[in-house]
C-alpha atoms as a PDB file:
ATOM      1  CA  UNK A   1       0.000   0.000   0.000  1.00  0.00           C
ATOM      2  CA  UNK A   2       2.753   2.444   0.899  1.00  0.00           C
ATOM      3  CA  UNK A   3       4.637   1.665  -2.296  1.00  0.00           C
ATOM      4  CA  UNK A   4       1.557   2.439  -4.370  1.00  0.00           C
ATOM      5  CA  UNK A   5       1.093   5.733  -2.541  1.00  0.00           C
ATOM      6  CA  UNK A   6       4.739   6.606  -3.179  1.00  0.00           C
ATOM      7  CA  UNK A   7       4.389   5.890  -6.904  1.00  0.00           C
ATOM      8  CA  UNK A   8       1.219   7.998  -7.061  1.00  0.00           C
ATOM      9  CA  UNK A   9       2.948  10.891  -5.316  1.00  0.00           C
ATOM     10  CA  UNK A  10       5.898  10.567  -7.649  1.00  0.00           C
ATOM     11  CA  UNK A  11       3.632  10.706 -10.721  1.00  0.00           C
ATOM     12  CA  UNK A  12       1.769  13.743  -9.384  1.00  0.00           C
ATOM     13  CA  UNK A  13       5.036  15.475  -8.590  1.00  0.00           C
ATOM     14  CA  UNK A  14       6.372  14.784 -12.096  1.00  0.00           C
ATOM     15  CA  UNK A  15       3.266  16.339 -13.663  1.00  0.00           C
ATOM     16  CA  UNK A  16       3.517  19.341 -11.350  1.00  0.00           C
ATOM     17  CA  UNK A  17       7.207  19.811 -12.137  1.00  0.00           C
ATOM     18  CA  UNK A  18       6.511  19.674 -15.860  1.00  0.00           C
ATOM     19  CA  UNK A  19       3.686  22.213 -15.583  1.00  0.00           C
ATOM     20  CA  UNK A  20       5.819  24.585 -13.512  1.00  0.00           C
ATOM     21  CA  UNK A  21       8.725  24.238 -15.914  1.00  0.00           C
ATOM     22  CA  UNK A  22       6.525  25.108 -18.889  1.00  0.00           C
ATOM     23  CA  UNK A  23       5.066  28.079 -17.017  1.00  0.00           C
ATOM     24  CA  UNK A  24       8.529  29.285 -16.026  1.00  0.00           C
ATOM     25  CA  UNK A  25       9.791  28.983 -19.615  1.00  0.00           C
ATOM     26  CA  UNK A  26       6.873  31.013 -20.944  1.00  0.00           C
ATOM     27  CA  UNK A  27       7.357  33.642 -18.242  1.00  0.00           C
ATOM     28  CA  UNK A  28      11.079  33.970 -19.021  1.00  0.00           C
ATOM     29  CA  UNK A  29      10.321  34.290 -22.729  1.00  0.00           C
ATOM     30  CA  UNK A  30       7.877  37.119 -22.009  1.00  0.00           C
ATOM     31  CA  UNK A  31      10.442  38.873 -19.813  1.00  0.00           C
ATOM     32  CA  UNK A  32      13.135  38.537 -22.486  1.00  0.00           C
ATOM     33  CA  UNK A  33      10.783  39.949 -25.129  1.00  0.00           C
ATOM     34  CA  UNK A  34       9.849  42.900 -22.910  1.00  0.00           C
ATOM     35  CA  UNK A  35      13.515  43.538 -22.161  1.00  0.00           C
ATOM     36  CA  UNK A  36      14.353  43.551 -25.876  1.00  0.00           C
ATOM     37  CA  UNK A  37      11.523  45.993 -26.570  1.00  0.00           C
ATOM     38  CA  UNK A  38      12.845  48.339 -23.891  1.00  0.00           C
ATOM     39  CA  UNK A  39      16.314  48.192 -25.436  1.00  0.00           C
ATOM     40  CA  UNK A  40      14.895  48.998 -28.857  1.00  0.00           C
ATOM     41  CA  UNK A  41      12.966  51.907 -27.389  1.00  0.00           C
ATOM     42  CA  UNK A  42      16.178  53.311 -25.928  1.00  0.00           C
ATOM     43  CA  UNK A  43      15.326  52.778 -22.292  1.00  0.00           C
ATOM     44  CA  UNK A  44      18.264  52.217 -19.925  1.00  0.00           C
ATOM     45  CA  UNK A  45      18.724  51.347 -16.305  1.00  0.00           C
ATOM     46  CA  UNK A  46      19.759  53.808 -13.612  1.00  0.00           C
ATOM     47  CA  UNK A  47      23.496  54.374 -13.665  1.00  0.00           C
ATOM     48  CA  UNK A  48      23.684  54.512  -9.884  1.00  0.00           C
ATOM     49  CA  UNK A  49      21.923  51.178  -9.351  1.00  0.00           C
ATOM     50  CA  UNK A  50      24.529  48.619  -8.256  1.00  0.00           C
ATOM     51  CA  UNK A  51      25.145  45.472 -10.198  1.00  0.00           C
ATOM     52  CA  UNK A  52      23.968  42.640  -7.968  1.00  0.00           C
ATOM     53  CA  UNK A  53      22.551  39.104  -8.217  1.00  0.00           C
ATOM     54  CA  UNK A  54      18.848  38.476  -7.505  1.00  0.00           C
ATOM     55  CA  UNK A  55      17.775  39.705  -4.088  1.00  0.00           C
ATOM     56  CA  UNK A  56      15.894  36.504  -3.243  1.00  0.00           C
ATOM     57  CA  UNK A  57      18.360  34.347  -1.237  1.00  0.00           C
ATOM     58  CA  UNK A  58      17.143  31.034  -2.637  1.00  0.00           C
ATOM     59  CA  UNK A  59      17.277  32.322  -6.212  1.00  0.00           C
ATOM     60  CA  UNK A  60      20.833  33.516  -5.628  1.00  0.00           C
ATOM     61  CA  UNK A  61      21.870  30.100  -4.325  1.00  0.00           C
ATOM     62  CA  UNK A  62      20.298  28.298  -7.276  1.00  0.00           C
ATOM     63  CA  UNK A  63      21.904  30.606  -9.836  1.00  0.00           C
ATOM     64  CA  UNK A  64      25.272  30.339  -8.079  1.00  0.00           C
ATOM     65  CA  UNK A  65      25.019  26.547  -8.255  1.00  0.00           C
ATOM     66  CA  UNK A  66      24.297  26.722 -11.994  1.00  0.00           C
ATOM     67  CA  UNK A  67      20.675  25.566 -11.680  1.00  0.00           C
ATOM     68  CA  UNK A  68      18.098  27.359 -13.835  1.00  0.00           C
ATOM     69  CA  UNK A  69      15.241  26.528 -11.459  1.00  0.00           C
ATOM     70  CA  UNK A  70      12.697  28.772  -9.839  1.00  0.00           C
ATOM     71  CA  UNK A  71      12.532  28.744  -6.015  1.00  0.00           C
ATOM     72  CA  UNK A  72       9.048  27.213  -6.086  1.00  0.00           C
ATOM     73  CA  UNK A  73      10.172  24.403  -8.357  1.00  0.00           C
ATOM     74  CA  UNK A  74      13.181  23.688  -6.164  1.00  0.00           C
ATOM     75  CA  UNK A  75      11.107  23.628  -2.968  1.00  0.00           C
ATOM     76  CA  UNK A  76       8.610  21.315  -4.626  1.00  0.00           C
ATOM     77  CA  UNK A  77      11.447  18.992  -5.598  1.00  0.00           C
ATOM     78  CA  UNK A  78      12.704  18.937  -2.001  1.00  0.00           C
ATOM     79  CA  UNK A  79       9.191  18.150  -0.755  1.00  0.00           C
ATOM     80  CA  UNK A  80       8.834  15.298  -3.236  1.00  0.00           C
ATOM     81  CA  UNK A  81      12.237  13.926  -2.245  1.00  0.00           C
ATOM     82  CA  UNK A  82      11.344  14.145   1.439  1.00  0.00           C
ATOM     83  CA  UNK A  83       8.052  12.346   0.893  1.00  0.00           C
ATOM     84  CA  UNK A  84       9.720   9.551  -1.066  1.00  0.00           C
ATOM     85  CA  UNK A  85      12.377   9.116   1.626  1.00  0.00           C
ATOM     86  CA  UNK A  86       9.693   9.176   4.299  1.00  0.00           C
ATOM     87  CA  UNK A  87       7.689   6.453   2.560  1.00  0.00           C
ATOM     88  CA  UNK A  88      10.800   4.351   2.012  1.00  0.00           C
ATOM     89  CA  UNK A  89      11.815   4.614   5.658  1.00  0.00           C
ATOM     90  CA  UNK A  90       8.294   3.812   6.812  1.00  0.00           C
ATOM     91  CA  UNK A  91       8.406   0.640   4.722  1.00  0.00           C
ATOM     92  CA  UNK A  92      11.803  -0.300   6.157  1.00  0.00           C
ATOM     93  CA  UNK A  93      11.050   0.850   9.733  1.00  0.00           C
ATOM     94  CA  UNK A  94       7.292   0.577  10.284  1.00  0.00           C
ATOM     95  CA  UNK A  95       7.673   0.862  14.069  1.00  0.00           C
ATOM     96  CA  UNK A  96       9.678   4.103  13.972  1.00  0.00           C
ATOM     97  CA  UNK A  97       7.595   6.796  12.248  1.00  0.00           C
ATOM     98  CA  UNK A  98       9.375   9.601  14.096  1.00  0.00           C
ATOM     99  CA  UNK A  99      12.769   8.364  12.938  1.00  0.00           C
ATOM    100  CA  UNK A 100      11.433   8.198   9.374  1.00  0.00           C
ATOM    101  CA  UNK A 101      10.303  11.824   9.620  1.00  0.00           C
ATOM    102  CA  UNK A 102      13.689  12.925  10.921  1.00  0.00           C
ATOM    103  CA  UNK A 103      15.408  11.001   8.126  1.00  0.00           C
ATOM    104  CA  UNK A 104      13.255  12.705   5.494  1.00  0.00           C
ATOM    105  CA  UNK A 105      14.025  16.159   6.916  1.00  0.00           C
ATOM    106  CA  UNK A 106      17.734  15.398   7.116  1.00  0.00           C
ATOM    107  CA  UNK A 107      17.765  14.213   3.493  1.00  0.00           C
ATOM    108  CA  UNK A 108      16.034  17.364   2.226  1.00  0.00           C
ATOM    109  CA  UNK A 109      18.365  19.589   4.245  1.00  0.00           C
ATOM    110  CA  UNK A 110      21.409  17.662   3.012  1.00  0.00           C
ATOM    111  CA  UNK A 111      20.398  18.305  -0.613  1.00  0.00           C
ATOM    112  CA  UNK A 112      19.884  22.011   0.110  1.00  0.00           C
ATOM    113  CA  UNK A 113      23.242  22.174   1.904  1.00  0.00           C
ATOM    114  CA  UNK A 114      25.026  20.396  -0.953  1.00  0.00           C
ATOM    115  CA  UNK A 115      23.621  22.853  -3.526  1.00  0.00           C
ATOM    116  CA  UNK A 116      24.580  25.798  -1.323  1.00  0.00           C
ATOM    117  CA  UNK A 117      28.141  24.549  -0.863  1.00  0.00           C
ATOM    118  CA  UNK A 118      28.483  23.748  -4.573  1.00  0.00           C
ATOM    119  CA  UNK A 119      27.469  27.331  -5.434  1.00  0.00           C
ATOM    120  CA  UNK A 120      30.084  28.726  -3.037  1.00  0.00           C
ATOM    121  CA  UNK A 121      32.723  26.412  -4.476  1.00  0.00           C
ATOM    122  CA  UNK A 122      31.898  27.521  -8.050  1.00  0.00           C
ATOM    123  CA  UNK A 123      32.084  31.188  -7.036  1.00  0.00           C
ATOM    124  CA  UNK A 124      35.476  30.757  -5.305  1.00  0.00           C
ATOM    125  CA  UNK A 125      36.898  28.794  -8.229  1.00  0.00           C
ATOM    126  CA  UNK A 126      35.656  31.369 -10.734  1.00  0.00           C
ATOM    127  CA  UNK A 127      37.071  34.251  -8.696  1.00  0.00           C
ATOM    128  CA  UNK A 128      40.498  32.597  -8.477  1.00  0.00           C
ATOM    129  CA  UNK A 129      40.583  32.156 -12.247  1.00  0.00           C
ATOM    130  CA  UNK A 130      39.132  35.588 -12.902  1.00  0.00           C
ATOM    131  CA  UNK A 131      42.093  37.303 -11.217  1.00  0.00           C
ATOM    132  CA  UNK A 132      44.361  36.001 -13.965  1.00  0.00           C
ATOM    133  CA  UNK A 133      41.918  37.385 -16.531  1.00  0.00           C
ATOM    134  CA  UNK A 134      42.052  40.790 -14.831  1.00  0.00           C
ATOM    135  CA  UNK A 135      45.865  40.735 -14.911  1.00  0.00           C
ATOM    136  CA  UNK A 136      45.833  39.841 -18.593  1.00  0.00           C
ATOM    137  CA  UNK A 137      43.382  42.677 -19.277  1.00  0.00           C
ATOM    138  CA  UNK A 138      45.666  45.128 -17.472  1.00  0.00           C
ATOM    139  CA  UNK A 139      48.641  43.913 -19.519  1.00  0.00           C
ATOM    140  CA  UNK A 140      46.690  44.351 -22.764  1.00  0.00           C
ATOM    141  CA  UNK A 141      45.617  47.874 -21.747  1.00  0.00           C
ATOM    142  CA  UNK A 142      49.204  48.820 -20.929  1.00  0.00           C
ATOM    143  CA  UNK A 143      50.193  47.546 -24.382  1.00  0.00           C
ATOM    144  CA  UNK A 144      47.795  50.061 -25.960  1.00  0.00           C
ATOM    145  CA  UNK A 145      44.775  47.883 -26.649  1.00  0.00           C
ATOM    146  CA  UNK A 146      41.265  49.315 -26.504  1.00  0.00           C
ATOM    147  CA  UNK A 147      39.152  48.139 -23.518  1.00  0.00           C
ATOM    148  CA  UNK A 148      36.972  45.803 -25.600  1.00  0.00           C
ATOM    149  CA  UNK A 149      39.990  44.324 -27.369  1.00  0.00           C
ATOM    150  CA  UNK A 150      41.731  43.916 -24.001  1.00  0.00           C
ATOM    151  CA  UNK A 151      38.746  41.948 -22.646  1.00  0.00           C
ATOM    152  CA  UNK A 152      38.730  39.827 -25.816  1.00  0.00           C
ATOM    153  CA  UNK A 153      42.446  39.133 -25.379  1.00  0.00           C
ATOM    154  CA  UNK A 154      41.871  38.120 -21.747  1.00  0.00           C
ATOM    155  CA  UNK A 155      39.040  35.826 -22.838  1.00  0.00           C
ATOM    156  CA  UNK A 156      41.269  34.126 -25.412  1.00  0.00           C
ATOM    157  CA  UNK A 157      43.943  33.530 -22.764  1.00  0.00           C
ATOM    158  CA  UNK A 158      41.504  32.206 -20.154  1.00  0.00           C
ATOM    159  CA  UNK A 159      39.829  28.822 -19.800  1.00  0.00           C
ATOM    160  CA  UNK A 160      36.548  27.362 -18.632  1.00  0.00           C
ATOM    161  CA  UNK A 161      33.895  29.598 -17.127  1.00  0.00           C
ATOM    162  CA  UNK A 162      36.107  32.698 -17.164  1.00  0.00           C
ATOM    163  CA  UNK A 163      36.615  32.431 -20.905  1.00  0.00           C
ATOM    164  CA  UNK A 164      32.904  31.862 -21.461  1.00  0.00           C
ATOM    165  CA  UNK A 165      31.858  34.864 -19.347  1.00  0.00           C
ATOM    166  CA  UNK A 166      34.443  37.243 -20.804  1.00  0.00           C
ATOM    167  CA  UNK A 167      33.478  36.226 -24.328  1.00  0.00           C
ATOM    168  CA  UNK A 168      29.837  36.850 -23.418  1.00  0.00           C
ATOM    169  CA  UNK A 169      30.747  40.344 -22.172  1.00  0.00           C
ATOM    170  CA  UNK A 170      32.644  41.093 -25.392  1.00  0.00           C
ATOM    171  CA  UNK A 171      29.819  39.764 -27.566  1.00  0.00           C
ATOM    172  CA  UNK A 172      27.214  41.822 -25.736  1.00  0.00           C
ATOM    173  CA  UNK A 173      29.310  44.943 -26.072  1.00  0.00           C
ATOM    174  CA  UNK A 174      29.796  44.126 -29.745  1.00  0.00           C
ATOM    175  CA  UNK A 175      26.048  44.116 -30.451  1.00  0.00           C
ATOM    176  CA  UNK A 176      25.613  47.491 -28.778  1.00  0.00           C
ATOM    177  CA  UNK A 177      24.496  46.615 -25.266  1.00  0.00           C
ATOM    178  CA  UNK A 178      25.452  48.762 -22.317  1.00  0.00           C
ATOM    179  CA  UNK A 179      28.354  47.731 -20.077  1.00  0.00           C
ATOM    180  CA  UNK A 180      25.976  47.015 -17.193  1.00  0.00           C
ATOM    181  CA  UNK A 181      23.872  44.745 -19.376  1.00  0.00           C
ATOM    182  CA  UNK A 182      27.027  43.058 -20.625  1.00  0.00           C
ATOM    183  CA  UNK A 183      28.188  42.259 -17.070  1.00  0.00           C
ATOM    184  CA  UNK A 184      24.773  41.281 -15.721  1.00  0.00           C
ATOM    185  CA  UNK A 185      25.065  37.558 -16.460  1.00  0.00           C
ATOM    186  CA  UNK A 186      28.433  37.232 -14.740  1.00  0.00           C
ATOM    187  CA  UNK A 187      27.088  38.731 -11.506  1.00  0.00           C
ATOM    188  CA  UNK A 188      24.028  36.504 -11.602  1.00  0.00           C
ATOM    189  CA  UNK A 189      25.856  33.239 -12.227  1.00  0.00           C
ATOM    190  CA  UNK A 190      28.773  33.723  -9.817  1.00  0.00           C
ATOM    191  CA  UNK A 191      27.765  35.222  -6.503  1.00  0.00           C
ATOM    192  CA  UNK A 192      30.921  36.452  -4.753  1.00  0.00           C
ATOM    193  CA  UNK A 193      32.223  39.730  -3.378  1.00  0.00           C
ATOM    194  CA  UNK A 194      35.173  39.730  -5.751  1.00  0.00           C
ATOM    195  CA  UNK A 195      32.972  39.415  -8.835  1.00  0.00           C
ATOM    196  CA  UNK A 196      30.635  42.143  -7.585  1.00  0.00           C
ATOM    197  CA  UNK A 197      33.590  44.431  -6.857  1.00  0.00           C
ATOM    198  CA  UNK A 198      35.075  43.922 -10.304  1.00  0.00           C
ATOM    199  CA  UNK A 199      31.846  44.324 -12.264  1.00  0.00           C
ATOM    200  CA  UNK A 200      30.631  47.365 -10.335  1.00  0.00           C
ATOM    201  CA  UNK A 201      33.998  49.122 -10.591  1.00  0.00           C
ATOM    202  CA  UNK A 202      34.313  48.291 -14.284  1.00  0.00           C
ATOM    203  CA  UNK A 203      30.772  49.522 -15.008  1.00  0.00           C
ATOM    204  CA  UNK A 204      31.280  52.853 -13.203  1.00  0.00           C
ATOM    205  CA  UNK A 205      34.722  53.532 -14.691  1.00  0.00           C
ATOM    206  CA  UNK A 206      33.590  52.477 -18.178  1.00  0.00           C
ATOM    207  CA  UNK A 207      30.841  55.088 -18.152  1.00  0.00           C
ATOM    208  CA  UNK A 208      32.963  57.771 -16.480  1.00  0.00           C
ATOM    209  CA  UNK A 209      35.745  57.341 -19.020  1.00  0.00           C
ATOM    210  CA  UNK A 210      39.472  57.542 -18.540  1.00  0.00           C
ATOM    211  CA  UNK A 211      42.238  54.993 -18.154  1.00  0.00           C
ATOM    212  CA  UNK A 212      41.048  51.612 -16.854  1.00  0.00           C
ATOM    213  CA  UNK A 213      44.536  50.330 -16.096  1.00  0.00           C
ATOM    214  CA  UNK A 214      45.095  51.665 -12.546  1.00  0.00           C
ATOM    215  CA  UNK A 215      41.542  50.817 -11.503  1.00  0.00           C
ATOM    216  CA  UNK A 216      41.719  47.229 -12.735  1.00  0.00           C
ATOM    217  CA  UNK A 217      45.197  46.825 -11.236  1.00  0.00           C
ATOM    218  CA  UNK A 218      43.863  47.875  -7.826  1.00  0.00           C
ATOM    219  CA  UNK A 219      40.818  45.623  -8.116  1.00  0.00           C
ATOM    220  CA  UNK A 220      43.024  42.683  -9.077  1.00  0.00           C
ATOM    221  CA  UNK A 221      45.240  43.281  -6.027  1.00  0.00           C
ATOM    222  CA  UNK A 222      42.198  43.412  -3.717  1.00  0.00           C
ATOM    223  CA  UNK A 223      40.818  40.197  -5.193  1.00  0.00           C
ATOM    224  CA  UNK A 224      44.142  38.423  -4.693  1.00  0.00           C
ATOM    225  CA  UNK A 225      44.310  39.570  -1.078  1.00  0.00           C
ATOM    226  CA  UNK A 226      40.754  38.331  -0.450  1.00  0.00           C
ATOM    227  CA  UNK A 227      41.639  34.942  -1.928  1.00  0.00           C
ATOM    228  CA  UNK A 228      44.860  34.721   0.114  1.00  0.00           C
ATOM    229  CA  UNK A 229      43.139  35.622   3.396  1.00  0.00           C
ATOM    230  CA  UNK A 230      40.249  33.252   2.680  1.00  0.00           C
ATOM    231  CA  UNK A 231      42.589  30.347   1.970  1.00  0.00           C
ATOM    232  CA  UNK A 232      44.525  31.005   5.184  1.00  0.00           C
ATOM    233  CA  UNK A 233      41.353  31.152   7.287  1.00  0.00           C
ATOM    234  CA  UNK A 234      39.995  27.963   5.743  1.00  0.00           C
ATOM    235  CA  UNK A 235      43.319  26.216   6.401  1.00  0.00           C
ATOM    236  CA  UNK A 236      43.246  27.293  10.052  1.00  0.00           C
ATOM    237  CA  UNK A 237      39.641  26.169  10.543  1.00  0.00           C
ATOM    238  CA  UNK A 238      40.002  22.858   8.720  1.00  0.00           C
ATOM    239  CA  UNK A 239      41.448  21.195  11.832  1.00  0.00           C
ATOM    240  CA  UNK A 240      38.493  22.291  13.961  1.00  0.00           C
ATOM    241  CA  UNK A 241      36.021  21.115  11.340  1.00  0.00           C
ATOM    242  CA  UNK A 242      37.710  17.716  11.015  1.00  0.00           C
ATOM    243  CA  UNK A 243      37.849  17.363  14.806  1.00  0.00           C
ATOM    244  CA  UNK A 244      34.126  18.038  15.072  1.00  0.00           C
ATOM    245  CA  UNK A 245      33.393  15.549  12.315  1.00  0.00           C
ATOM    246  CA  UNK A 246      35.502  12.852  13.955  1.00  0.00           C
ATOM    247  CA  UNK A 247      33.785  13.431  17.309  1.00  0.00           C
ATOM    248  CA  UNK A 248      30.418  13.071  15.567  1.00  0.00           C
ATOM    249  CA  UNK A 249      31.491   9.824  13.875  1.00  0.00           C
ATOM    250  CA  UNK A 250      33.191   8.351  16.945  1.00  0.00           C
ATOM    251  CA  UNK A 251      30.065   6.679  18.442  1.00  0.00           C
ATOM    252  CA  UNK A 252      29.309   4.929  15.153  1.00  0.00           C
ATOM    253  CA  UNK A 253      32.923   3.764  14.894  1.00  0.00           C
ATOM    254  CA  UNK A 254      32.817   2.385  18.442  1.00  0.00           C
ATOM    255  CA  UNK A 255      29.660   0.320  17.947  1.00  0.00           C
ATOM    256  CA  UNK A 256      31.452  -2.433  15.925  1.00  0.00           C
ATOM    257  CA  UNK A 257      34.170  -2.491  18.614  1.00  0.00           C
ATOM    258  CA  UNK A 258      31.565  -2.957  21.355  1.00  0.00           C
ATOM    259  CA  UNK A 259      29.846  -5.684  19.332  1.00  0.00           C
ATOM    260  CA  UNK A 260      33.155  -7.506  19.130  1.00  0.00           C
ATOM    261  CA  UNK A 261      34.376  -6.994  22.721  1.00  0.00           C
ATOM    262  CA  UNK A 262      31.207  -6.701  24.831  1.00  0.00           C
ATOM    263  CA  UNK A 263      28.017  -7.464  22.884  1.00  0.00           C
ATOM    264  CA  UNK A 264      25.988  -7.151  26.079  1.00  0.00           C
ATOM    265  CA  UNK A 265      26.587  -3.392  26.094  1.00  0.00           C
ATOM    266  CA  UNK A 266      24.742  -3.064  22.789  1.00  0.00           C
ATOM    267  CA  UNK A 267      22.059  -5.700  23.433  1.00  0.00           C
ATOM    268  CA  UNK A 268      20.295  -3.429  25.898  1.00  0.00           C
ATOM    269  CA  UNK A 269      19.542  -1.031  23.037  1.00  0.00           C
ATOM    270  CA  UNK A 270      17.544  -3.808  21.392  1.00  0.00           C
ATOM    271  CA  UNK A 271      15.376  -4.760  24.359  1.00  0.00           C
ATOM    272  CA  UNK A 272      14.896  -1.613  26.415  1.00  0.00           C
ATOM    273  CA  UNK A 273      11.536   0.089  25.638  1.00  0.00           C
ATOM    274  CA  UNK A 274      13.038   3.587  25.688  1.00  0.00           C
ATOM    275  CA  UNK A 275      16.021   2.702  23.495  1.00  0.00           C
ATOM    276  CA  UNK A 276      14.534   3.862  20.141  1.00  0.00           C
ATOM    277  CA  UNK A 277      13.483   7.227  21.581  1.00  0.00           C
ATOM    278  CA  UNK A 278      16.814   7.763  23.277  1.00  0.00           C
ATOM    279  CA  UNK A 279      18.727   6.893  20.122  1.00  0.00           C
ATOM    280  CA  UNK A 280      16.542   9.184  18.037  1.00  0.00           C
ATOM    281  CA  UNK A 281      17.015  12.003  20.530  1.00  0.00           C
ATOM    282  CA  UNK A 282      20.784  11.494  20.540  1.00  0.00           C
ATOM    283  CA  UNK A 283      21.027  11.510  16.741  1.00  0.00           C
ATOM    284  CA  UNK A 284      18.794  14.596  16.525  1.00  0.00           C
ATOM    285  CA  UNK A 285      20.906  16.476  19.072  1.00  0.00           C
ATOM    286  CA  UNK A 286      24.031  15.448  17.198  1.00  0.00           C
ATOM    287  CA  UNK A 287      22.682  16.762  13.893  1.00  0.00           C
ATOM    288  CA  UNK A 288      21.669  20.032  15.538  1.00  0.00           C
ATOM    289  CA  UNK A 289      25.175  20.319  16.991  1.00  0.00           C
ATOM    290  CA  UNK A 290      26.746  19.780  13.574  1.00  0.00           C
ATOM    291  CA  UNK A 291      24.543  22.478  12.047  1.00  0.00           C
ATOM    292  CA  UNK A 292      25.432  24.864  14.876  1.00  0.00           C
ATOM    293  CA  UNK A 293      29.150  24.090  14.528  1.00  0.00           C
ATOM    294  CA  UNK A 294      28.969  24.718  10.789  1.00  0.00           C
ATOM    295  CA  UNK A 295      27.348  28.105  11.319  1.00  0.00           C
ATOM    296  CA  UNK A 296      29.900  29.361  13.843  1.00  0.00           C
ATOM    297  CA  UNK A 297      32.798  28.178  11.649  1.00  0.00           C
ATOM    298  CA  UNK A 298      31.383  29.689   8.466  1.00  0.00           C
ATOM    299  CA  UNK A 299      33.737  32.088   6.666  1.00  0.00           C
ATOM    300  CA  UNK A 300      32.243  35.137   4.964  1.00  0.00           C
ATOM    301  CA  UNK A 301      34.667  37.458   3.168  1.00  0.00           C
END
């Protein structure tokens, strides 16, 4: 019975995901058409408005992770995943519904955490590679190249995402778009302070005119310092993070030892009426402690 319910929920979720995806695609097409009409009409954005990724936190995390999903679609996917895990655990552990609920919540949170960490990793990797692109742009400007040609030269010398984004900036400038519109995609896809600093400074200086070389040289130095300080802090905190992880895993590593040396110490967990509740409470407290430890050791530069 539970398996049939799970399959029904999965089918309903698939239909809902498809409908939301079609609706989102139509909505994005309408927005793109309206944006093109505004460009043709000569409308422009405010020069003082800062270049920034979407203000919605969940949208920022999804874009940073490279996922073109709406927040509603992502939340629905997490709910469907949680329900499927819940049903599976209820089938495997029919006498522990509370443990099944905790397992479903932990699974959904683990997926959200993995996407969040992947977005941060992509942003850090892109920023490290982008510094070399900035240095190459400065070198091209000092050699007498025009700003657009300098960006094109930096794109040709770069690799991966940096090359793709710089080429996109050059192509957008080539078809007549404004510098802010040319840099908009880079800010949206890679959410980091270094990228925001570079794009905002480049947009302001591009419109103000003048030599870009000293400005880009200063921005490149700041980005390198941020990367150096961030790497040092992460290296210093890695030991604490590993120690916390080992302490969390220690009880599970000791259980096989107890089963081998003194099985009677573990047998009581099988027969005592309060054992399931106590174990569930211990695991829940442990997970809450790991989340708390992660928050206090989080590095924001």
